[in-house]
Amino acid sequence: MKIAIAQLNPVIGDILGNAKLILDAAQKAQNLDAKLIITPELSLIDYPPRDLLIYPSLIERIRKIIQIFAIRNSSFSRNCNLQFSSL
């Protein structure tokens, strides 16, 4: 089983930009026949999020992006999964 570990350089608070980085990495991993893609901790909002987490609008944006990931993940293929993890 091939496992891809996404090495990303996310920007704090740039949810859409970071989501694009993750999806691009997932596409590359799928093209290399990886069955599982693992992203770094907090790769969607970057580290450290500090006071960003107190804003309900940020949490809602994150929730929407995760829903898009769920839809996108099902469209990648049945052979590949995007996994968010803390390493």
N, C-alpha and C. Protein backbone atom coordinates (compact mmCIF):
# COMPACT_ATOMS: atom_id res chain seq x y z
N MET A 1 0.84 -1.17 0.00
CA MET A 1 0.00 0.00 0.00
C MET A 1 0.89 1.24 0.00
N LYS A 2 0.67 2.14 -0.95
CA LYS A 2 1.42 3.39 -1.00
C LYS A 2 0.73 4.44 -0.14
N ILE A 3 1.52 5.09 0.70
CA ILE A 3 1.02 6.17 1.55
C ILE A 3 1.78 7.44 1.18
N ALA A 4 1.06 8.52 0.94
CA ALA A 4 1.68 9.80 0.63
C ALA A 4 1.56 10.71 1.84
N ILE A 5 2.65 11.35 2.18
CA ILE A 5 2.64 12.34 3.25
C ILE A 5 2.83 13.69 2.59
N ALA A 6 1.83 14.54 2.71
CA ALA A 6 1.86 15.85 2.05
C ALA A 6 2.75 16.80 2.84
N GLN A 7 3.80 17.28 2.21
CA GLN A 7 4.65 18.30 2.81
C GLN A 7 4.18 19.64 2.28
N LEU A 8 3.52 20.41 3.15
CA LEU A 8 2.87 21.65 2.73
C LEU A 8 3.51 22.85 3.42
N ASN A 9 3.28 24.00 2.86
CA ASN A 9 3.71 25.26 3.47
C ASN A 9 2.48 26.17 3.57
N PRO A 10 1.54 25.85 4.48
CA PRO A 10 0.31 26.64 4.57
C PRO A 10 0.54 28.02 5.17
N VAL A 11 -0.45 28.88 4.99
CA VAL A 11 -0.42 30.24 5.52
C VAL A 11 -1.48 30.35 6.61
N ILE A 12 -1.13 30.93 7.75
CA ILE A 12 -2.07 31.05 8.86
C ILE A 12 -3.33 31.80 8.41
N GLY A 13 -4.48 31.15 8.58
CA GLY A 13 -5.77 31.76 8.29
C GLY A 13 -6.20 31.72 6.84
N ASP A 14 -5.36 31.30 5.91
CA ASP A 14 -5.71 31.25 4.49
C ASP A 14 -6.36 29.91 4.17
N ILE A 15 -7.59 29.76 4.59
CA ILE A 15 -8.27 28.47 4.47
C ILE A 15 -8.40 28.03 3.03
N LEU A 16 -8.82 28.93 2.14
CA LEU A 16 -8.99 28.54 0.74
C LEU A 16 -7.65 28.21 0.08
N GLY A 17 -6.64 29.02 0.34
CA GLY A 17 -5.32 28.75 -0.23
C GLY A 17 -4.74 27.45 0.29
N ASN A 18 -4.90 27.21 1.59
CA ASN A 18 -4.40 25.97 2.19
C ASN A 18 -5.18 24.76 1.68
N ALA A 19 -6.48 24.94 1.49
CA ALA A 19 -7.30 23.85 0.94
C ALA A 19 -6.81 23.48 -0.46
N LYS A 20 -6.47 24.48 -1.25
CA LYS A 20 -5.95 24.23 -2.60
C LYS A 20 -4.63 23.46 -2.52
N LEU A 21 -3.76 23.84 -1.59
CA LEU A 21 -2.50 23.11 -1.41
C LEU A 21 -2.76 21.64 -1.10
N ILE A 22 -3.71 21.40 -0.22
CA ILE A 22 -4.04 20.03 0.18
C ILE A 22 -4.61 19.25 -1.00
N LEU A 23 -5.55 19.86 -1.72
CA LEU A 23 -6.14 19.16 -2.86
C LEU A 23 -5.14 18.91 -3.97
N ASP A 24 -4.24 19.86 -4.20
CA ASP A 24 -3.18 19.65 -5.20
C ASP A 24 -2.28 18.49 -4.79
N ALA A 25 -1.91 18.44 -3.52
CA ALA A 25 -1.07 17.34 -3.02
C ALA A 25 -1.81 16.02 -3.14
N ALA A 26 -3.10 16.03 -2.86
CA ALA A 26 -3.89 14.80 -2.97
C ALA A 26 -3.96 14.32 -4.42
N GLN A 27 -4.09 15.26 -5.35
CA GLN A 27 -4.13 14.89 -6.76
C GLN A 27 -2.80 14.29 -7.20
N LYS A 28 -1.70 14.90 -6.77
CA LYS A 28 -0.37 14.36 -7.11
C LYS A 28 -0.19 12.96 -6.53
N ALA A 29 -0.63 12.79 -5.29
CA ALA A 29 -0.51 11.48 -4.64
C ALA A 29 -1.34 10.43 -5.38
N GLN A 30 -2.53 10.82 -5.80
CA GLN A 30 -3.38 9.88 -6.53
C GLN A 30 -2.72 9.50 -7.85
N ASN A 31 -2.11 10.49 -8.52
CA ASN A 31 -1.43 10.21 -9.78
C ASN A 31 -0.26 9.24 -9.59
N LEU A 32 0.29 9.18 -8.38
CA LEU A 32 1.37 8.25 -8.06
C LEU A 32 0.84 6.95 -7.45
N ASP A 33 -0.46 6.74 -7.54
CA ASP A 33 -1.12 5.52 -7.06
C ASP A 33 -1.08 5.36 -5.54
N ALA A 34 -1.01 6.46 -4.81
CA ALA A 34 -1.08 6.37 -3.35
C ALA A 34 -2.50 6.00 -2.94
N LYS A 35 -2.62 5.22 -1.92
CA LYS A 35 -3.92 4.81 -1.41
C LYS A 35 -4.37 5.66 -0.23
N LEU A 36 -3.44 6.36 0.40
CA LEU A 36 -3.74 7.17 1.57
C LEU A 36 -2.87 8.42 1.52
N ILE A 37 -3.45 9.57 1.79
CA ILE A 37 -2.73 10.83 1.82
C ILE A 37 -2.88 11.41 3.21
N ILE A 38 -1.76 11.74 3.85
CA ILE A 38 -1.78 12.29 5.20
C ILE A 38 -1.26 13.72 5.14
N THR A 39 -1.98 14.64 5.79
CA THR A 39 -1.55 16.03 5.84
C THR A 39 -1.04 16.35 7.24
N PRO A 40 -0.23 17.40 7.38
CA PRO A 40 0.26 17.79 8.70
C PRO A 40 -0.86 18.32 9.60
N GLU A 41 -0.58 18.33 10.87
CA GLU A 41 -1.50 18.88 11.85
C GLU A 41 -1.85 20.33 11.50
N LEU A 42 -3.12 20.68 11.59
CA LEU A 42 -3.62 22.03 11.35
C LEU A 42 -3.25 22.58 9.97
N SER A 43 -3.10 21.71 8.98
CA SER A 43 -2.71 22.17 7.65
C SER A 43 -3.77 23.04 6.99
N LEU A 44 -5.00 22.95 7.44
CA LEU A 44 -6.05 23.76 6.83
C LEU A 44 -6.02 25.21 7.31
N ILE A 45 -5.70 25.44 8.57
CA ILE A 45 -5.64 26.83 9.07
C ILE A 45 -4.24 27.25 9.47
N ASP A 46 -3.31 26.35 9.47
CA ASP A 46 -1.90 26.52 9.81
C ASP A 46 -1.70 26.67 11.31
N TYR A 47 -0.47 26.70 11.68
CA TYR A 47 -0.09 26.63 13.08
C TYR A 47 0.75 27.82 13.46
N PRO A 48 0.55 28.48 14.53
CA PRO A 48 -0.50 28.32 15.54
C PRO A 48 -1.72 29.17 15.18
N PRO A 49 -2.90 28.65 15.36
CA PRO A 49 -4.10 29.40 15.01
C PRO A 49 -4.44 30.52 16.00
N ARG A 50 -3.96 30.39 17.22
CA ARG A 50 -4.18 31.38 18.28
C ARG A 50 -5.62 31.89 18.33
N ASP A 51 -5.79 33.21 18.23
CA ASP A 51 -7.11 33.80 18.40
C ASP A 51 -8.05 33.57 17.23
N LEU A 52 -7.56 33.04 16.12
CA LEU A 52 -8.45 32.77 14.99
C LEU A 52 -9.59 31.82 15.37
N LEU A 53 -9.32 30.94 16.31
CA LEU A 53 -10.31 29.93 16.68
C LEU A 53 -11.50 30.50 17.45
N ILE A 54 -11.43 31.74 17.90
CA ILE A 54 -12.56 32.30 18.63
C ILE A 54 -13.61 32.90 17.70
N TYR A 55 -13.30 32.99 16.41
CA TYR A 55 -14.24 33.58 15.46
C TYR A 55 -15.16 32.52 14.87
N PRO A 56 -16.46 32.60 15.15
CA PRO A 56 -17.40 31.62 14.61
C PRO A 56 -17.38 31.56 13.08
N SER A 57 -17.12 32.69 12.43
CA SER A 57 -17.11 32.69 10.96
C SER A 57 -15.97 31.82 10.42
N LEU A 58 -14.84 31.80 11.11
CA LEU A 58 -13.73 30.95 10.69
C LEU A 58 -14.09 29.48 10.83
N ILE A 59 -14.70 29.14 11.95
CA ILE A 59 -15.11 27.76 12.18
C ILE A 59 -16.10 27.33 11.10
N GLU A 60 -17.02 28.20 10.73
CA GLU A 60 -18.00 27.88 9.69
C GLU A 60 -17.31 27.69 8.33
N ARG A 61 -16.33 28.54 8.02
CA ARG A 61 -15.59 28.39 6.76
C ARG A 61 -14.84 27.06 6.74
N ILE A 62 -14.27 26.68 7.86
CA ILE A 62 -13.56 25.40 7.95
C ILE A 62 -14.54 24.25 7.73
N ARG A 63 -15.71 24.34 8.35
CA ARG A 63 -16.73 23.30 8.19
C ARG A 63 -17.12 23.14 6.72
N LYS A 64 -17.29 24.26 6.01
CA LYS A 64 -17.65 24.20 4.59
C LYS A 64 -16.54 23.58 3.75
N ILE A 65 -15.31 23.95 4.04
CA ILE A 65 -14.19 23.37 3.30
C ILE A 65 -14.10 21.87 3.54
N ILE A 66 -14.32 21.43 4.77
CA ILE A 66 -14.28 20.00 5.07
C ILE A 66 -15.38 19.26 4.31
N GLN A 67 -16.55 19.88 4.18
CA GLN A 67 -17.62 19.27 3.38
C GLN A 67 -17.18 19.14 1.92
N ILE A 68 -16.51 20.16 1.41
CA ILE A 68 -16.00 20.09 0.03
C ILE A 68 -14.97 18.97 -0.09
N PHE A 69 -14.10 18.84 0.92
CA PHE A 69 -13.13 17.74 0.91
C PHE A 69 -13.83 16.39 0.87
N ALA A 70 -14.89 16.26 1.64
CA ALA A 70 -15.62 14.99 1.67
C ALA A 70 -16.18 14.66 0.30
N ILE A 71 -16.74 15.65 -0.38
CA ILE A 71 -17.26 15.44 -1.73
C ILE A 71 -16.12 15.14 -2.69
N ARG A 72 -15.06 15.92 -2.59
CA ARG A 72 -13.91 15.75 -3.47
C ARG A 72 -13.24 14.40 -3.25
N ASN A 73 -13.14 13.99 -1.98
CA ASN A 73 -12.52 12.72 -1.66
C ASN A 73 -13.27 11.57 -2.30
N SER A 74 -14.58 11.65 -2.32
CA SER A 74 -15.36 10.57 -2.93
C SER A 74 -15.20 10.58 -4.45
N SER A 75 -14.83 11.73 -5.02
CA SER A 75 -14.67 11.78 -6.46
C SER A 75 -13.25 11.44 -6.91
N PHE A 76 -12.29 11.40 -5.97
CA PHE A 76 -10.93 11.03 -6.37
C PHE A 76 -10.98 9.64 -7.00
N SER A 77 -11.30 8.71 -6.20
CA SER A 77 -11.50 7.34 -6.65
C SER A 77 -11.76 6.49 -5.43
N ARG A 78 -12.18 5.29 -5.66
CA ARG A 78 -12.39 4.39 -4.53
C ARG A 78 -11.07 3.86 -4.00
N ASN A 79 -9.99 4.19 -4.70
CA ASN A 79 -8.68 3.64 -4.34
C ASN A 79 -7.82 4.60 -3.54
N CYS A 80 -8.31 5.79 -3.25
CA CYS A 80 -7.46 6.80 -2.64
C CYS A 80 -8.26 7.58 -1.58
N ASN A 81 -7.67 7.79 -0.41
CA ASN A 81 -8.32 8.53 0.67
C ASN A 81 -7.44 9.66 1.17
N LEU A 82 -8.04 10.79 1.41
CA LEU A 82 -7.36 11.94 2.01
C LEU A 82 -7.58 11.88 3.50
N GLN A 83 -6.49 11.85 4.28
CA GLN A 83 -6.58 11.71 5.72
C GLN A 83 -5.91 12.89 6.40
N PHE A 84 -6.61 13.59 7.29
CA PHE A 84 -6.02 14.65 8.09
C PHE A 84 -5.52 14.02 9.37
N SER A 85 -4.31 14.36 9.76
CA SER A 85 -3.75 13.70 10.93
C SER A 85 -2.79 14.61 11.67
N SER A 86 -2.53 14.25 12.89
CA SER A 86 -1.51 14.91 13.69
C SER A 86 -0.33 13.96 13.77
N LEU A 87 0.81 14.36 13.23
CA LEU A 87 1.98 13.47 13.21
C LEU A 87 2.92 13.80 14.33
